[in-house]
């Protein structure tokens, strides 16, 4: 579970670095190659998907823990997962706004 959390937190930052690095030409032309575009497209689809999976898993874990211990459901980790999911969606929306036909 810690690996999923780490990947879900790290991948949106990689997508931001790839996009900003390409915009200011910090990637030495990597963004102009097929591999650069494929990487951006792969992350564009993968990042929100992984964050959505993480959000669903955190909600399920919190609900099960609340049922087992007869206490209130904790919203800390599902809230963190929701934050990173919304961040991934906003990054994708920002990239879509800058896409040229």
C-alpha atoms as a PDB file:
ATOM      1  CA  UNK A   1       0.000   0.000   0.000  1.00  0.00           C
ATOM      2  CA  UNK A   2       2.882   2.351   0.710  1.00  0.00           C
ATOM      3  CA  UNK A   3       4.214   1.774  -2.794  1.00  0.00           C
ATOM      4  CA  UNK A   4       0.849   2.741  -4.313  1.00  0.00           C
ATOM      5  CA  UNK A   5       0.776   5.869  -2.186  1.00  0.00           C
ATOM      6  CA  UNK A   6       4.308   6.809  -3.187  1.00  0.00           C
ATOM      7  CA  UNK A   7       3.657   6.268  -6.877  1.00  0.00           C
ATOM      8  CA  UNK A   8       0.386   8.184  -6.702  1.00  0.00           C
ATOM      9  CA  UNK A   9       2.082  11.143  -5.033  1.00  0.00           C
ATOM     10  CA  UNK A  10       5.163  11.135  -7.275  1.00  0.00           C
ATOM     11  CA  UNK A  11       3.559  10.747 -10.710  1.00  0.00           C
ATOM     12  CA  UNK A  12       1.671  14.087 -10.801  1.00  0.00           C
ATOM     13  CA  UNK A  13       4.917  15.855  -9.952  1.00  0.00           C
ATOM     14  CA  UNK A  14       6.686  14.038 -12.816  1.00  0.00           C
ATOM     15  CA  UNK A  15       3.941  15.142 -15.179  1.00  0.00           C
ATOM     16  CA  UNK A  16       4.334  18.752 -14.034  1.00  0.00           C
ATOM     17  CA  UNK A  17       8.125  18.572 -14.442  1.00  0.00           C
ATOM     18  CA  UNK A  18       7.813  17.071 -17.913  1.00  0.00           C
ATOM     19  CA  UNK A  19       5.362  19.728 -19.061  1.00  0.00           C
ATOM     20  CA  UNK A  20       7.193  22.712 -17.518  1.00  0.00           C
ATOM     21  CA  UNK A  21      10.571  21.368 -18.623  1.00  0.00           C
ATOM     22  CA  UNK A  22       9.299  21.074 -22.181  1.00  0.00           C
ATOM     23  CA  UNK A  23       7.815  24.543 -22.105  1.00  0.00           C
ATOM     24  CA  UNK A  24      11.082  26.193 -21.064  1.00  0.00           C
ATOM     25  CA  UNK A  25      13.253  23.807 -23.137  1.00  0.00           C
ATOM     26  CA  UNK A  26      14.946  22.269 -20.099  1.00  0.00           C
ATOM     27  CA  UNK A  27      14.695  18.758 -21.540  1.00  0.00           C
ATOM     28  CA  UNK A  28      17.140  19.413 -24.400  1.00  0.00           C
ATOM     29  CA  UNK A  29      14.620  18.587 -27.115  1.00  0.00           C
ATOM     30  CA  UNK A  30      13.212  15.415 -25.533  1.00  0.00           C
ATOM     31  CA  UNK A  31       9.721  16.857 -25.822  1.00  0.00           C
ATOM     32  CA  UNK A  32      10.092  17.128 -29.611  1.00  0.00           C
ATOM     33  CA  UNK A  33      10.753  13.430 -30.097  1.00  0.00           C
ATOM     34  CA  UNK A  34       8.250  10.617 -30.418  1.00  0.00           C
ATOM     35  CA  UNK A  35       9.404   9.231 -27.078  1.00  0.00           C
ATOM     36  CA  UNK A  36       8.741  12.564 -25.368  1.00  0.00           C
ATOM     37  CA  UNK A  37       5.237  12.814 -26.775  1.00  0.00           C
ATOM     38  CA  UNK A  38       4.523   9.180 -25.939  1.00  0.00           C
ATOM     39  CA  UNK A  39       5.762   9.737 -22.373  1.00  0.00           C
ATOM     40  CA  UNK A  40       3.547  12.791 -21.977  1.00  0.00           C
ATOM     41  CA  UNK A  41       0.540  10.959 -23.405  1.00  0.00           C
ATOM     42  CA  UNK A  42       1.207   7.901 -21.230  1.00  0.00           C
ATOM     43  CA  UNK A  43       1.435  10.022 -18.077  1.00  0.00           C
ATOM     44  CA  UNK A  44      -1.588  12.053 -19.161  1.00  0.00           C
ATOM     45  CA  UNK A  45      -3.717   8.892 -19.033  1.00  0.00           C
ATOM     46  CA  UNK A  46      -1.902   6.976 -16.274  1.00  0.00           C
ATOM     47  CA  UNK A  47      -1.688   9.619 -13.533  1.00  0.00           C
ATOM     48  CA  UNK A  48      -5.435  10.248 -12.999  1.00  0.00           C
ATOM     49  CA  UNK A  49      -6.144   6.531 -13.323  1.00  0.00           C
ATOM     50  CA  UNK A  50      -3.665   5.557 -10.617  1.00  0.00           C
ATOM     51  CA  UNK A  51      -4.842   8.364  -8.352  1.00  0.00           C
ATOM     52  CA  UNK A  52      -8.461   7.286  -8.796  1.00  0.00           C
ATOM     53  CA  UNK A  53      -7.511   3.720  -7.882  1.00  0.00           C
ATOM     54  CA  UNK A  54      -5.680   5.023  -4.808  1.00  0.00           C
ATOM     55  CA  UNK A  55      -8.709   7.087  -3.793  1.00  0.00           C
ATOM     56  CA  UNK A  56     -11.040   4.105  -4.089  1.00  0.00           C
ATOM     57  CA  UNK A  57      -8.669   1.846  -2.143  1.00  0.00           C
ATOM     58  CA  UNK A  58      -8.279   4.412   0.659  1.00  0.00           C
ATOM     59  CA  UNK A  59     -12.047   4.801   0.962  1.00  0.00           C
ATOM     60  CA  UNK A  60     -12.509   1.033   1.167  1.00  0.00           C
ATOM     61  CA  UNK A  61      -9.730   0.658   3.766  1.00  0.00           C
ATOM     62  CA  UNK A  62     -11.170   3.473   5.911  1.00  0.00           C
ATOM     63  CA  UNK A  63     -14.670   2.025   5.760  1.00  0.00           C
ATOM     64  CA  UNK A  64     -13.457  -1.448   6.730  1.00  0.00           C
ATOM     65  CA  UNK A  65     -11.395  -0.076   9.613  1.00  0.00           C
ATOM     66  CA  UNK A  66     -14.373   1.903  10.864  1.00  0.00           C
ATOM     67  CA  UNK A  67     -16.621  -1.175  10.766  1.00  0.00           C
ATOM     68  CA  UNK A  68     -14.105  -3.379  12.561  1.00  0.00           C
ATOM     69  CA  UNK A  69     -13.414  -1.022  15.429  1.00  0.00           C
ATOM     70  CA  UNK A  70     -16.867   0.558  15.792  1.00  0.00           C
ATOM     71  CA  UNK A  71     -15.575   4.077  15.451  1.00  0.00           C
ATOM     72  CA  UNK A  72     -15.904   6.957  13.055  1.00  0.00           C
ATOM     73  CA  UNK A  73     -14.341   6.757   9.638  1.00  0.00           C
ATOM     74  CA  UNK A  74     -11.041   8.593   9.240  1.00  0.00           C
ATOM     75  CA  UNK A  75     -10.924  11.070   6.373  1.00  0.00           C
ATOM     76  CA  UNK A  76      -7.193  11.829   6.509  1.00  0.00           C
ATOM     77  CA  UNK A  77      -5.844   9.406   3.901  1.00  0.00           C
ATOM     78  CA  UNK A  78      -8.946   9.505   1.655  1.00  0.00           C
ATOM     79  CA  UNK A  79      -8.696  13.297   1.787  1.00  0.00           C
ATOM     80  CA  UNK A  80      -5.039  13.162   0.794  1.00  0.00           C
ATOM     81  CA  UNK A  81      -5.899  10.790  -2.055  1.00  0.00           C
ATOM     82  CA  UNK A  82      -8.701  13.115  -3.166  1.00  0.00           C
ATOM     83  CA  UNK A  83      -6.298  16.068  -3.134  1.00  0.00           C
ATOM     84  CA  UNK A  84      -3.809  14.299  -5.406  1.00  0.00           C
ATOM     85  CA  UNK A  85      -6.602  13.043  -7.679  1.00  0.00           C
ATOM     86  CA  UNK A  86      -7.890  16.588  -8.112  1.00  0.00           C
ATOM     87  CA  UNK A  87      -4.327  17.775  -8.685  1.00  0.00           C
ATOM     88  CA  UNK A  88      -3.892  15.185 -11.445  1.00  0.00           C
ATOM     89  CA  UNK A  89      -7.148  16.249 -13.081  1.00  0.00           C
ATOM     90  CA  UNK A  90      -6.178  19.923 -12.936  1.00  0.00           C
ATOM     91  CA  UNK A  91      -2.763  19.192 -14.450  1.00  0.00           C
ATOM     92  CA  UNK A  92      -4.419  17.268 -17.274  1.00  0.00           C
ATOM     93  CA  UNK A  93      -6.877  20.104 -17.831  1.00  0.00           C
ATOM     94  CA  UNK A  94      -3.995  22.595 -17.904  1.00  0.00           C
ATOM     95  CA  UNK A  95      -2.162  20.495 -20.490  1.00  0.00           C
ATOM     96  CA  UNK A  96      -5.341  20.262 -22.565  1.00  0.00           C
ATOM     97  CA  UNK A  97      -5.652  24.036 -22.531  1.00  0.00           C
ATOM     98  CA  UNK A  98      -2.159  24.325 -24.023  1.00  0.00           C
ATOM     99  CA  UNK A  99      -2.644  21.639 -26.671  1.00  0.00           C
ATOM    100  CA  UNK A 100      -2.476  22.891 -30.198  1.00  0.00           C
ATOM    101  CA  UNK A 101      -4.326  21.282 -33.027  1.00  0.00           C
END
